C-alpha cells in the first residue's frame, strides 16, 4: 500500500535519501520555480513524520550542471553530486547554506560514512576507466583518486555504496567492482 506520495511538477527526481525527519531529493528542474533563471538542477528537502510529508517545510537550493544525480547525508551535512559539468556540493542540514563545492567532471554518485566521503566519477579521458575520489570532508579536497574498470558510458547512472573501507561500485558494463579504499585495490568483482 502506498501510504503517502510526493510529486514535484516539472522536475525529474533522480535520487532520494532520508535522515531522521527530513527527505532529501536530487533533481533536474524543467522550470525555474523558486530558483534563479537558468538553474536546471536543485537540492530539495521536505520534512516528514511517519507517513506524512510536510510540504510547508520545503527547502530548495540550486546545484551546478544539468542534473542533481545523487544525495548522501551524514553528520548534519547534505552532499549532492551534479553530473558531467558539476561536482560535489555540500549543504547544511536544512539547505539554507552551501558550505562547499568541489568541481569534479562526470560526478555520478556520492556516499559517506564515518571514515570516508567518496564520489564516483565517470570516464573523462576515453580510457574506459572510472574512478573513486576520496574527499576530505573538512577541506573538501581530493585526498586520493583510485581508478576502476567501467563507468565509461556517457551520462550513465553509476553508483557506489560504502561498507566500512570497502566501496561496492556499480560500474556499468563492467559489472560490480569491490574496491578496498585503504589502497585502491579491486578485491572482488561480479561480471
C-alpha atoms as a PDB file:
ATOM      1  CA  UNK A   1       0.000   0.000   0.000  1.00  0.00           C
ATOM      2  CA  UNK A   2       1.179   3.490  -0.803  1.00  0.00           C
ATOM      3  CA  UNK A   3       0.628   5.480   2.382  1.00  0.00           C
ATOM      4  CA  UNK A   4       1.929   8.805   1.140  1.00  0.00           C
ATOM      5  CA  UNK A   5       3.413  10.249  -2.024  1.00  0.00           C
ATOM      6  CA  UNK A   6       5.103  13.375  -3.216  1.00  0.00           C
ATOM      7  CA  UNK A   7       5.040  14.780  -6.723  1.00  0.00           C
ATOM      8  CA  UNK A   8       7.091  17.696  -7.910  1.00  0.00           C
ATOM      9  CA  UNK A   9       5.803  19.112 -11.171  1.00  0.00           C
ATOM     10  CA  UNK A  10       8.281  19.956 -13.907  1.00  0.00           C
ATOM     11  CA  UNK A  11      11.185  18.097 -12.312  1.00  0.00           C
ATOM     12  CA  UNK A  12      12.916  14.741 -12.667  1.00  0.00           C
ATOM     13  CA  UNK A  13      13.618  13.182  -9.267  1.00  0.00           C
ATOM     14  CA  UNK A  14      16.913  11.301  -9.576  1.00  0.00           C
ATOM     15  CA  UNK A  15      17.847  10.225  -6.035  1.00  0.00           C
ATOM     16  CA  UNK A  16      16.291  10.296  -2.580  1.00  0.00           C
ATOM     17  CA  UNK A  17      17.526   9.672   0.955  1.00  0.00           C
ATOM     18  CA  UNK A  18      16.037  10.195   4.415  1.00  0.00           C
ATOM     19  CA  UNK A  19      17.660  11.385   7.607  1.00  0.00           C
ATOM     20  CA  UNK A  20      15.687  11.439  10.872  1.00  0.00           C
ATOM     21  CA  UNK A  21      12.727  13.631   9.904  1.00  0.00           C
ATOM     22  CA  UNK A  22      13.803  15.034   6.505  1.00  0.00           C
ATOM     23  CA  UNK A  23      13.582  13.775   2.953  1.00  0.00           C
ATOM     24  CA  UNK A  24      16.353  14.933   0.560  1.00  0.00           C
ATOM     25  CA  UNK A  25      15.945  14.743  -3.216  1.00  0.00           C
ATOM     26  CA  UNK A  26      18.411  15.380  -6.069  1.00  0.00           C
ATOM     27  CA  UNK A  27      16.570  16.745  -9.111  1.00  0.00           C
ATOM     28  CA  UNK A  28      16.795  18.176 -12.557  1.00  0.00           C
ATOM     29  CA  UNK A  29      14.331  21.007 -12.923  1.00  0.00           C
ATOM     30  CA  UNK A  30      12.256  21.636 -16.037  1.00  0.00           C
ATOM     31  CA  UNK A  31      11.382  25.169 -14.975  1.00  0.00           C
ATOM     32  CA  UNK A  32      12.990  27.549 -12.533  1.00  0.00           C
ATOM     33  CA  UNK A  33      10.167  27.970  -9.992  1.00  0.00           C
ATOM     34  CA  UNK A  34      11.755  29.104  -6.703  1.00  0.00           C
ATOM     35  CA  UNK A  35      15.174  29.224  -8.399  1.00  0.00           C
ATOM     36  CA  UNK A  36      17.205  31.787 -10.295  1.00  0.00           C
ATOM     37  CA  UNK A  37      16.698  31.932 -14.040  1.00  0.00           C
ATOM     38  CA  UNK A  38      18.905  29.416 -15.839  1.00  0.00           C
ATOM     39  CA  UNK A  39      19.231  27.000 -12.890  1.00  0.00           C
ATOM     40  CA  UNK A  40      18.443  23.487 -14.100  1.00  0.00           C
ATOM     41  CA  UNK A  41      19.162  21.285 -11.081  1.00  0.00           C
ATOM     42  CA  UNK A  42      18.366  21.525  -7.414  1.00  0.00           C
ATOM     43  CA  UNK A  43      18.606  20.020  -3.967  1.00  0.00           C
ATOM     44  CA  UNK A  44      15.125  19.699  -2.470  1.00  0.00           C
ATOM     45  CA  UNK A  45      14.128  18.829   1.081  1.00  0.00           C
ATOM     46  CA  UNK A  46      10.857  18.206   2.920  1.00  0.00           C
ATOM     47  CA  UNK A  47      10.050  17.298   6.480  1.00  0.00           C
ATOM     48  CA  UNK A  48       8.144  14.108   7.246  1.00  0.00           C
ATOM     49  CA  UNK A  49       6.680  12.298  10.207  1.00  0.00           C
ATOM     50  CA  UNK A  50       5.547   8.715   9.883  1.00  0.00           C
ATOM     51  CA  UNK A  51       3.688   8.559   6.588  1.00  0.00           C
ATOM     52  CA  UNK A  52       3.066  12.293   6.375  1.00  0.00           C
ATOM     53  CA  UNK A  53       5.174  14.600   4.197  1.00  0.00           C
ATOM     54  CA  UNK A  54       5.176  18.237   5.283  1.00  0.00           C
ATOM     55  CA  UNK A  55       5.188  20.414   2.135  1.00  0.00           C
ATOM     56  CA  UNK A  56       5.327  23.587   4.234  1.00  0.00           C
ATOM     57  CA  UNK A  57       8.857  22.600   5.297  1.00  0.00           C
ATOM     58  CA  UNK A  58      10.075  22.786   1.695  1.00  0.00           C
ATOM     59  CA  UNK A  59      13.699  23.842   1.137  1.00  0.00           C
ATOM     60  CA  UNK A  60      15.279  24.277  -2.309  1.00  0.00           C
ATOM     61  CA  UNK A  61      18.895  25.072  -3.195  1.00  0.00           C
ATOM     62  CA  UNK A  62      20.428  25.329  -6.688  1.00  0.00           C
ATOM     63  CA  UNK A  63      23.051  22.877  -7.940  1.00  0.00           C
ATOM     64  CA  UNK A  64      25.518  23.387 -10.786  1.00  0.00           C
ATOM     65  CA  UNK A  65      25.219  21.379 -14.032  1.00  0.00           C
ATOM     66  CA  UNK A  66      22.129  19.929 -15.683  1.00  0.00           C
ATOM     67  CA  UNK A  67      21.015  17.312 -13.145  1.00  0.00           C
ATOM     68  CA  UNK A  68      21.385  16.574  -9.471  1.00  0.00           C
ATOM     69  CA  UNK A  69      22.040  12.846  -9.564  1.00  0.00           C
ATOM     70  CA  UNK A  70      22.815  11.620  -6.033  1.00  0.00           C
ATOM     71  CA  UNK A  71      22.486  12.607  -2.390  1.00  0.00           C
ATOM     72  CA  UNK A  72      24.007  11.418   0.889  1.00  0.00           C
ATOM     73  CA  UNK A  73      23.535  12.766   4.420  1.00  0.00           C
ATOM     74  CA  UNK A  74      25.974  12.456   7.332  1.00  0.00           C
ATOM     75  CA  UNK A  75      26.680  14.470  10.491  1.00  0.00           C
ATOM     76  CA  UNK A  76      24.299  17.338   9.618  1.00  0.00           C
ATOM     77  CA  UNK A  77      25.780  17.694   6.128  1.00  0.00           C
ATOM     78  CA  UNK A  78      23.988  17.028   2.865  1.00  0.00           C
ATOM     79  CA  UNK A  79      26.207  16.040  -0.070  1.00  0.00           C
ATOM     80  CA  UNK A  80      24.961  16.091  -3.667  1.00  0.00           C
ATOM     81  CA  UNK A  81      26.600  15.375  -6.998  1.00  0.00           C
ATOM     82  CA  UNK A  82      25.540  17.064 -10.191  1.00  0.00           C
ATOM     83  CA  UNK A  83      26.662  15.499 -13.396  1.00  0.00           C
ATOM     84  CA  UNK A  84      29.246  15.972 -16.079  1.00  0.00           C
ATOM     85  CA  UNK A  85      29.963  19.692 -15.586  1.00  0.00           C
ATOM     86  CA  UNK A  86      29.111  19.900 -11.889  1.00  0.00           C
ATOM     87  CA  UNK A  87      30.756  18.263  -8.928  1.00  0.00           C
ATOM     88  CA  UNK A  88      30.164  17.760  -5.225  1.00  0.00           C
ATOM     89  CA  UNK A  89      28.139  20.346  -3.316  1.00  0.00           C
ATOM     90  CA  UNK A  90      27.863  20.287   0.486  1.00  0.00           C
ATOM     91  CA  UNK A  91      24.984  21.963   2.337  1.00  0.00           C
ATOM     92  CA  UNK A  92      23.961  22.360   5.941  1.00  0.00           C
ATOM     93  CA  UNK A  93      21.094  20.081   7.037  1.00  0.00           C
ATOM     94  CA  UNK A  94      18.279  22.497   6.139  1.00  0.00           C
ATOM     95  CA  UNK A  95      19.777  23.512   2.743  1.00  0.00           C
ATOM     96  CA  UNK A  96      19.940  27.182   3.743  1.00  0.00           C
ATOM     97  CA  UNK A  97      23.703  27.379   3.357  1.00  0.00           C
ATOM     98  CA  UNK A  98      26.090  25.927   0.809  1.00  0.00           C
ATOM     99  CA  UNK A  99      29.155  25.026   2.873  1.00  0.00           C
ATOM    100  CA  UNK A 100      31.364  23.957  -0.005  1.00  0.00           C
ATOM    101  CA  UNK A 101      31.689  22.984  -3.640  1.00  0.00           C
ATOM    102  CA  UNK A 102      34.302  20.864  -5.401  1.00  0.00           C
ATOM    103  CA  UNK A 103      34.299  20.835  -9.203  1.00  0.00           C
ATOM    104  CA  UNK A 104      34.556  17.210 -10.366  1.00  0.00           C
ATOM    105  CA  UNK A 105      33.819  16.328 -14.000  1.00  0.00           C
ATOM    106  CA  UNK A 106      31.499  13.357 -14.532  1.00  0.00           C
ATOM    107  CA  UNK A 107      30.353  13.236 -10.883  1.00  0.00           C
ATOM    108  CA  UNK A 108      27.826  10.412 -10.760  1.00  0.00           C
ATOM    109  CA  UNK A 109      27.301   9.346  -7.145  1.00  0.00           C
ATOM    110  CA  UNK A 110      28.280  10.233  -3.582  1.00  0.00           C
ATOM    111  CA  UNK A 111      28.354   8.147  -0.411  1.00  0.00           C
ATOM    112  CA  UNK A 112      29.670   8.860   3.071  1.00  0.00           C
ATOM    113  CA  UNK A 113      30.281   7.022   6.336  1.00  0.00           C
ATOM    114  CA  UNK A 114      32.277   7.766   9.499  1.00  0.00           C
ATOM    115  CA  UNK A 115      35.600   7.210   7.690  1.00  0.00           C
ATOM    116  CA  UNK A 116      35.091   8.120   4.039  1.00  0.00           C
ATOM    117  CA  UNK A 117      33.418  10.659   1.776  1.00  0.00           C
ATOM    118  CA  UNK A 118      33.635   9.375  -1.807  1.00  0.00           C
ATOM    119  CA  UNK A 119      32.433  10.441  -5.235  1.00  0.00           C
ATOM    120  CA  UNK A 120      32.179   8.044  -8.166  1.00  0.00           C
ATOM    121  CA  UNK A 121      33.456   9.716 -11.324  1.00  0.00           C
ATOM    122  CA  UNK A 122      32.776   8.535 -14.844  1.00  0.00           C
ATOM    123  CA  UNK A 123      35.429   8.183 -17.543  1.00  0.00           C
ATOM    124  CA  UNK A 124      36.708  11.624 -18.553  1.00  0.00           C
ATOM    125  CA  UNK A 125      39.538  10.735 -20.952  1.00  0.00           C
ATOM    126  CA  UNK A 126      38.298   7.768 -23.014  1.00  0.00           C
ATOM    127  CA  UNK A 127      40.398   5.085 -21.270  1.00  0.00           C
ATOM    128  CA  UNK A 128      37.218   3.200 -20.180  1.00  0.00           C
ATOM    129  CA  UNK A 129      38.109   3.692 -16.510  1.00  0.00           C
ATOM    130  CA  UNK A 130      36.052   5.461 -13.899  1.00  0.00           C
ATOM    131  CA  UNK A 131      37.459   6.486 -10.543  1.00  0.00           C
ATOM    132  CA  UNK A 132      36.552   6.792  -6.903  1.00  0.00           C
ATOM    133  CA  UNK A 133      37.624  10.143  -5.462  1.00  0.00           C
ATOM    134  CA  UNK A 134      38.151  10.148  -1.704  1.00  0.00           C
ATOM    135  CA  UNK A 135      37.298  13.621  -0.430  1.00  0.00           C
ATOM    136  CA  UNK A 136      38.483  15.258   2.776  1.00  0.00           C
ATOM    137  CA  UNK A 137      35.180  16.327   4.424  1.00  0.00           C
ATOM    138  CA  UNK A 138      36.753  19.391   6.088  1.00  0.00           C
ATOM    139  CA  UNK A 139      38.815  20.917   3.262  1.00  0.00           C
ATOM    140  CA  UNK A 140      36.648  19.314   0.534  1.00  0.00           C
ATOM    141  CA  UNK A 141      39.732  18.475  -1.499  1.00  0.00           C
ATOM    142  CA  UNK A 142      40.535  15.164  -3.183  1.00  0.00           C
ATOM    143  CA  UNK A 143      42.841  13.081  -0.933  1.00  0.00           C
ATOM    144  CA  UNK A 144      43.113  10.130  -3.338  1.00  0.00           C
ATOM    145  CA  UNK A 145      41.526   9.012  -6.601  1.00  0.00           C
ATOM    146  CA  UNK A 146      41.560   5.324  -7.477  1.00  0.00           C
ATOM    147  CA  UNK A 147      40.670   4.040 -10.972  1.00  0.00           C
ATOM    148  CA  UNK A 148      38.403   1.086 -11.671  1.00  0.00           C
ATOM    149  CA  UNK A 149      37.262  -0.544 -14.932  1.00  0.00           C
ATOM    150  CA  UNK A 150      33.900   0.801 -16.067  1.00  0.00           C
ATOM    151  CA  UNK A 151      31.706   3.906 -15.805  1.00  0.00           C
ATOM    152  CA  UNK A 152      32.520   4.796 -19.400  1.00  0.00           C
ATOM    153  CA  UNK A 153      29.017   5.106 -20.862  1.00  0.00           C
ATOM    154  CA  UNK A 154      28.307   8.844 -21.244  1.00  0.00           C
ATOM    155  CA  UNK A 155      25.732  10.210 -18.764  1.00  0.00           C
ATOM    156  CA  UNK A 156      25.104   6.753 -17.265  1.00  0.00           C
ATOM    157  CA  UNK A 157      23.869   6.292 -13.707  1.00  0.00           C
ATOM    158  CA  UNK A 158      26.670   4.502 -11.860  1.00  0.00           C
ATOM    159  CA  UNK A 159      26.553   4.188  -8.080  1.00  0.00           C
ATOM    160  CA  UNK A 160      28.827   3.435  -5.131  1.00  0.00           C
ATOM    161  CA  UNK A 161      27.880   2.166  -1.683  1.00  0.00           C
ATOM    162  CA  UNK A 162      30.262   2.139   1.262  1.00  0.00           C
ATOM    163  CA  UNK A 163      30.585  -0.652   3.824  1.00  0.00           C
ATOM    164  CA  UNK A 164      33.449   0.228   6.150  1.00  0.00           C
ATOM    165  CA  UNK A 165      36.571   0.568   3.998  1.00  0.00           C
ATOM    166  CA  UNK A 166      35.006  -1.238   1.028  1.00  0.00           C
ATOM    167  CA  UNK A 167      33.308   0.518  -1.887  1.00  0.00           C
ATOM    168  CA  UNK A 168      30.798  -1.509  -3.897  1.00  0.00           C
ATOM    169  CA  UNK A 169      30.712   0.079  -7.350  1.00  0.00           C
ATOM    170  CA  UNK A 170      28.013  -0.377  -9.996  1.00  0.00           C
ATOM    171  CA  UNK A 171      30.425   0.052 -12.902  1.00  0.00           C
ATOM    172  CA  UNK A 172      28.044  -0.286 -15.850  1.00  0.00           C
ATOM    173  CA  UNK A 173      29.136  -2.800 -18.490  1.00  0.00           C
ATOM    174  CA  UNK A 174      31.989  -3.903 -16.211  1.00  0.00           C
ATOM    175  CA  UNK A 175      29.548  -5.208 -13.593  1.00  0.00           C
ATOM    176  CA  UNK A 176      30.131  -4.712  -9.878  1.00  0.00           C
ATOM    177  CA  UNK A 177      33.614  -3.823  -8.645  1.00  0.00           C
ATOM    178  CA  UNK A 178      34.597  -4.066  -4.971  1.00  0.00           C
ATOM    179  CA  UNK A 179      37.375  -1.633  -4.034  1.00  0.00           C
ATOM    180  CA  UNK A 180      39.460  -1.513  -0.853  1.00  0.00           C
ATOM    181  CA  UNK A 181      39.628   2.216  -0.099  1.00  0.00           C
ATOM    182  CA  UNK A 182      42.774   1.870   2.019  1.00  0.00           C
ATOM    183  CA  UNK A 183      44.837   1.198  -1.119  1.00  0.00           C
ATOM    184  CA  UNK A 184      42.542   1.361  -4.189  1.00  0.00           C
ATOM    185  CA  UNK A 185      42.856  -2.344  -4.980  1.00  0.00           C
ATOM    186  CA  UNK A 186      39.939  -4.135  -6.623  1.00  0.00           C
ATOM    187  CA  UNK A 187      39.349  -7.060  -4.241  1.00  0.00           C
ATOM    188  CA  UNK A 188      36.321  -8.559  -5.992  1.00  0.00           C
ATOM    189  CA  UNK A 189      34.072  -8.238  -8.984  1.00  0.00           C
ATOM    190  CA  UNK A 190      30.852  -9.619 -10.430  1.00  0.00           C
ATOM    191  CA  UNK A 191      30.998  -9.502 -14.251  1.00  0.00           C
END
